[in-house]
């Protein structure tokens, strides 16, 4: 079973770091941010 994390503010700063670390641990990460382009950049 895959664990899923939702990270708000994932476009930059601490939110981005958290999203990257969770993904590195194998979780599926849903990145959200008020700046959709920044969230998409984190997700890729």
PDB file of N, CA and C in Angstrom:
ATOM      1  N   UNK A   1       0.844  -1.181   0.000  1.00  0.00           N
ATOM      2  CA  UNK A   1       0.000   0.000   0.000  1.00  0.00           C
ATOM      3  C   UNK A   1       0.890   1.246   0.000  1.00  0.00           C
ATOM      4  N   UNK A   2       0.623   2.146  -0.913  1.00  0.00           N
ATOM      5  CA  UNK A   2       1.413   3.366  -1.023  1.00  0.00           C
ATOM      6  C   UNK A   2       0.873   4.436  -0.081  1.00  0.00           C
ATOM      7  N   UNK A   3       1.772   5.050   0.658  1.00  0.00           N
ATOM      8  CA  UNK A   3       1.388   6.171   1.516  1.00  0.00           C
ATOM      9  C   UNK A   3       1.360   7.439   0.684  1.00  0.00           C
ATOM     10  N   UNK A   4       0.419   8.309   0.995  1.00  0.00           N
ATOM     11  CA  UNK A   4       0.254   9.558   0.257  1.00  0.00           C
ATOM     12  C   UNK A   4       0.360  10.724   1.233  1.00  0.00           C
ATOM     13  N   UNK A   5       1.110  11.758   0.830  1.00  0.00           N
ATOM     14  CA  UNK A   5       1.231  12.970   1.635  1.00  0.00           C
ATOM     15  C   UNK A   5       0.746  14.155   0.813  1.00  0.00           C
ATOM     16  N   UNK A   6       0.038  15.060   1.457  1.00  0.00           N
ATOM     17  CA  UNK A   6      -0.372  16.310   0.827  1.00  0.00           C
ATOM     18  C   UNK A   6       0.449  17.414   1.480  1.00  0.00           C
ATOM     19  N   UNK A   7       1.200  18.148   0.671  1.00  0.00           N
ATOM     20  CA  UNK A   7       2.050  19.212   1.197  1.00  0.00           C
ATOM     21  C   UNK A   7       1.562  20.541   0.641  1.00  0.00           C
ATOM     22  N   UNK A   8       1.108  21.408   1.535  1.00  0.00           N
ATOM     23  CA  UNK A   8       0.695  22.747   1.117  1.00  0.00           C
ATOM     24  C   UNK A   8       1.909  23.665   1.196  1.00  0.00           C
ATOM     25  N   UNK A   9       1.971  24.620   0.312  1.00  0.00           N
ATOM     26  CA  UNK A   9       3.120  25.515   0.277  1.00  0.00           C
ATOM     27  C   UNK A   9       4.360  24.838  -0.281  1.00  0.00           C
ATOM     28  N   UNK A  10       4.152  23.849  -1.161  1.00  0.00           N
ATOM     29  CA  UNK A  10       5.264  23.051  -1.682  1.00  0.00           C
ATOM     30  C   UNK A  10       6.029  23.744  -2.798  1.00  0.00           C
ATOM     31  N   UNK A  11       5.657  24.938  -3.148  1.00  0.00           N
ATOM     32  CA  UNK A  11       6.318  25.633  -4.243  1.00  0.00           C
ATOM     33  C   UNK A  11       7.682  26.183  -3.903  1.00  0.00           C
ATOM     34  N   UNK A  12       7.922  26.414  -2.624  1.00  0.00           N
ATOM     35  CA  UNK A  12       9.208  27.006  -2.242  1.00  0.00           C
ATOM     36  C   UNK A  12       9.455  26.793  -0.754  1.00  0.00           C
ATOM     37  N   UNK A  13      10.665  27.048  -0.349  1.00  0.00           N
ATOM     38  CA  UNK A  13      11.024  27.040   1.060  1.00  0.00           C
ATOM     39  C   UNK A  13      10.843  25.705   1.754  1.00  0.00           C
ATOM     40  N   UNK A  14      10.349  25.792   2.989  1.00  0.00           N
ATOM     41  CA  UNK A  14      10.194  24.608   3.827  1.00  0.00           C
ATOM     42  C   UNK A  14       9.223  23.600   3.225  1.00  0.00           C
ATOM     43  N   UNK A  15       8.143  24.072   2.634  1.00  0.00           N
ATOM     44  CA  UNK A  15       7.186  23.163   2.005  1.00  0.00           C
ATOM     45  C   UNK A  15       7.816  22.353   0.892  1.00  0.00           C
ATOM     46  N   UNK A  16       8.651  23.005   0.090  1.00  0.00           N
ATOM     47  CA  UNK A  16       9.344  22.296  -0.994  1.00  0.00           C
ATOM     48  C   UNK A  16      10.297  21.252  -0.428  1.00  0.00           C
ATOM     49  N   UNK A  17      11.046  21.626   0.589  1.00  0.00           N
ATOM     50  CA  UNK A  17      11.986  20.698   1.215  1.00  0.00           C
ATOM     51  C   UNK A  17      11.256  19.480   1.778  1.00  0.00           C
ATOM     52  N   UNK A  18      10.141  19.707   2.452  1.00  0.00           N
ATOM     53  CA  UNK A  18       9.358  18.600   3.012  1.00  0.00           C
ATOM     54  C   UNK A  18       8.855  17.688   1.903  1.00  0.00           C
ATOM     55  N   UNK A  19       8.327  18.269   0.831  1.00  0.00           N
ATOM     56  CA  UNK A  19       7.825  17.465  -0.286  1.00  0.00           C
ATOM     57  C   UNK A  19       8.935  16.608  -0.887  1.00  0.00           C
ATOM     58  N   UNK A  20      10.103  17.205  -1.073  1.00  0.00           N
ATOM     59  CA  UNK A  20      11.227  16.460  -1.652  1.00  0.00           C
ATOM     60  C   UNK A  20      11.683  15.331  -0.737  1.00  0.00           C
ATOM     61  N   UNK A  21      11.731  15.586   0.560  1.00  0.00           N
ATOM     62  CA  UNK A  21      12.170  14.558   1.515  1.00  0.00           C
ATOM     63  C   UNK A  21      11.167  13.408   1.592  1.00  0.00           C
ATOM     64  N   UNK A  22       9.887  13.730   1.574  1.00  0.00           N
ATOM     65  CA  UNK A  22       8.872  12.676   1.615  1.00  0.00           C
ATOM     66  C   UNK A  22       8.930  11.817   0.359  1.00  0.00           C
ATOM     67  N   UNK A  23       9.107  12.459  -0.789  1.00  0.00           N
ATOM     68  CA  UNK A  23       9.211  11.717  -2.048  1.00  0.00           C
ATOM     69  C   UNK A  23      10.444  10.817  -2.039  1.00  0.00           C
ATOM     70  N   UNK A  24      11.539  11.308  -1.477  1.00  0.00           N
ATOM     71  CA  UNK A  24      12.764  10.509  -1.401  1.00  0.00           C
ATOM     72  C   UNK A  24      12.572   9.273  -0.531  1.00  0.00           C
ATOM     73  N   UNK A  25      11.641   9.351   0.412  1.00  0.00           N
ATOM     74  CA  UNK A  25      11.337   8.203   1.280  1.00  0.00           C
ATOM     75  C   UNK A  25      10.312   7.258   0.663  1.00  0.00           C
ATOM     76  N   UNK A  26       9.866   7.577  -0.556  1.00  0.00           N
ATOM     77  CA  UNK A  26       8.980   6.679  -1.273  1.00  0.00           C
ATOM     78  C   UNK A  26       7.499   6.983  -1.183  1.00  0.00           C
ATOM     79  N   UNK A  27       7.119   8.082  -0.555  1.00  0.00           N
ATOM     80  CA  UNK A  27       5.711   8.442  -0.482  1.00  0.00           C
ATOM     81  C   UNK A  27       5.274   9.099  -1.784  1.00  0.00           C
ATOM     82  N   UNK A  28       4.020   8.934  -2.132  1.00  0.00           N
ATOM     83  CA  UNK A  28       3.420   9.691  -3.229  1.00  0.00           C
ATOM     84  C   UNK A  28       3.060  11.053  -2.638  1.00  0.00           C
ATOM     85  N   UNK A  29       3.485  12.131  -3.288  1.00  0.00           N
ATOM     86  CA  UNK A  29       3.308  13.469  -2.726  1.00  0.00           C
ATOM     87  C   UNK A  29       2.441  14.312  -3.648  1.00  0.00           C
ATOM     88  N   UNK A  30       1.396  14.896  -3.085  1.00  0.00           N
ATOM     89  CA  UNK A  30       0.548  15.853  -3.793  1.00  0.00           C
ATOM     90  C   UNK A  30       1.011  17.243  -3.372  1.00  0.00           C
ATOM     91  N   UNK A  31       1.580  17.993  -4.313  1.00  0.00           N
ATOM     92  CA  UNK A  31       2.123  19.321  -4.032  1.00  0.00           C
ATOM     93  C   UNK A  31       1.097  20.391  -4.367  1.00  0.00           C
ATOM     94  N   UNK A  32       0.828  21.265  -3.401  1.00  0.00           N
ATOM     95  CA  UNK A  32      -0.081  22.385  -3.636  1.00  0.00           C
ATOM     96  C   UNK A  32       0.609  23.681  -3.220  1.00  0.00           C
ATOM     97  N   UNK A  33       0.235  24.759  -3.876  1.00  0.00           N
ATOM     98  CA  UNK A  33       0.785  26.075  -3.548  1.00  0.00           C
ATOM     99  C   UNK A  33      -0.092  27.115  -4.227  1.00  0.00           C
ATOM    100  N   UNK A  34      -0.121  28.305  -3.696  1.00  0.00           N
ATOM    101  CA  UNK A  34      -0.874  29.379  -4.334  1.00  0.00           C
ATOM    102  C   UNK A  34      -0.286  29.689  -5.714  1.00  0.00           C
ATOM    103  N   UNK A  35       1.011  29.421  -5.878  1.00  0.00           N
ATOM    104  CA  UNK A  35       1.699  29.565  -7.168  1.00  0.00           C
ATOM    105  C   UNK A  35       1.751  28.181  -7.814  1.00  0.00           C
ATOM    106  N   UNK A  36       0.791  27.909  -8.674  1.00  0.00           N
ATOM    107  CA  UNK A  36       0.673  26.591  -9.293  1.00  0.00           C
ATOM    108  C   UNK A  36       1.901  26.169 -10.074  1.00  0.00           C
ATOM    109  N   UNK A  37       2.564  27.129 -10.733  1.00  0.00           N
ATOM    110  CA  UNK A  37       3.774  26.799 -11.491  1.00  0.00           C
ATOM    111  C   UNK A  37       4.894  26.339 -10.567  1.00  0.00           C
ATOM    112  N   UNK A  38       5.022  26.968  -9.415  1.00  0.00           N
ATOM    113  CA  UNK A  38       6.055  26.581  -8.453  1.00  0.00           C
ATOM    114  C   UNK A  38       5.767  25.193  -7.894  1.00  0.00           C
ATOM    115  N   UNK A  39       4.500  24.891  -7.619  1.00  0.00           N
ATOM    116  CA  UNK A  39       4.132  23.563  -7.128  1.00  0.00           C
ATOM    117  C   UNK A  39       4.422  22.510  -8.186  1.00  0.00           C
ATOM    118  N   UNK A  40       4.134  22.828  -9.439  1.00  0.00           N
ATOM    119  CA  UNK A  40       4.411  21.890 -10.528  1.00  0.00           C
ATOM    120  C   UNK A  40       5.906  21.654 -10.674  1.00  0.00           C
ATOM    121  N   UNK A  41       6.709  22.692 -10.478  1.00  0.00           N
ATOM    122  CA  UNK A  41       8.163  22.543 -10.565  1.00  0.00           C
ATOM    123  C   UNK A  41       8.674  21.633  -9.458  1.00  0.00           C
ATOM    124  N   UNK A  42       8.101  21.729  -8.276  1.00  0.00           N
ATOM    125  CA  UNK A  42       8.490  20.852  -7.174  1.00  0.00           C
ATOM    126  C   UNK A  42       8.103  19.415  -7.489  1.00  0.00           C
ATOM    127  N   UNK A  43       6.954  19.232  -8.084  1.00  0.00           N
ATOM    128  CA  UNK A  43       6.446  17.884  -8.355  1.00  0.00           C
ATOM    129  C   UNK A  43       7.257  17.150  -9.412  1.00  0.00           C
ATOM    130  N   UNK A  44       7.960  17.875 -10.254  1.00  0.00           N
ATOM    131  CA  UNK A  44       8.725  17.211 -11.320  1.00  0.00           C
ATOM    132  C   UNK A  44      10.129  17.038 -10.975  1.00  0.00           C
TER     133      UNK A  44
END
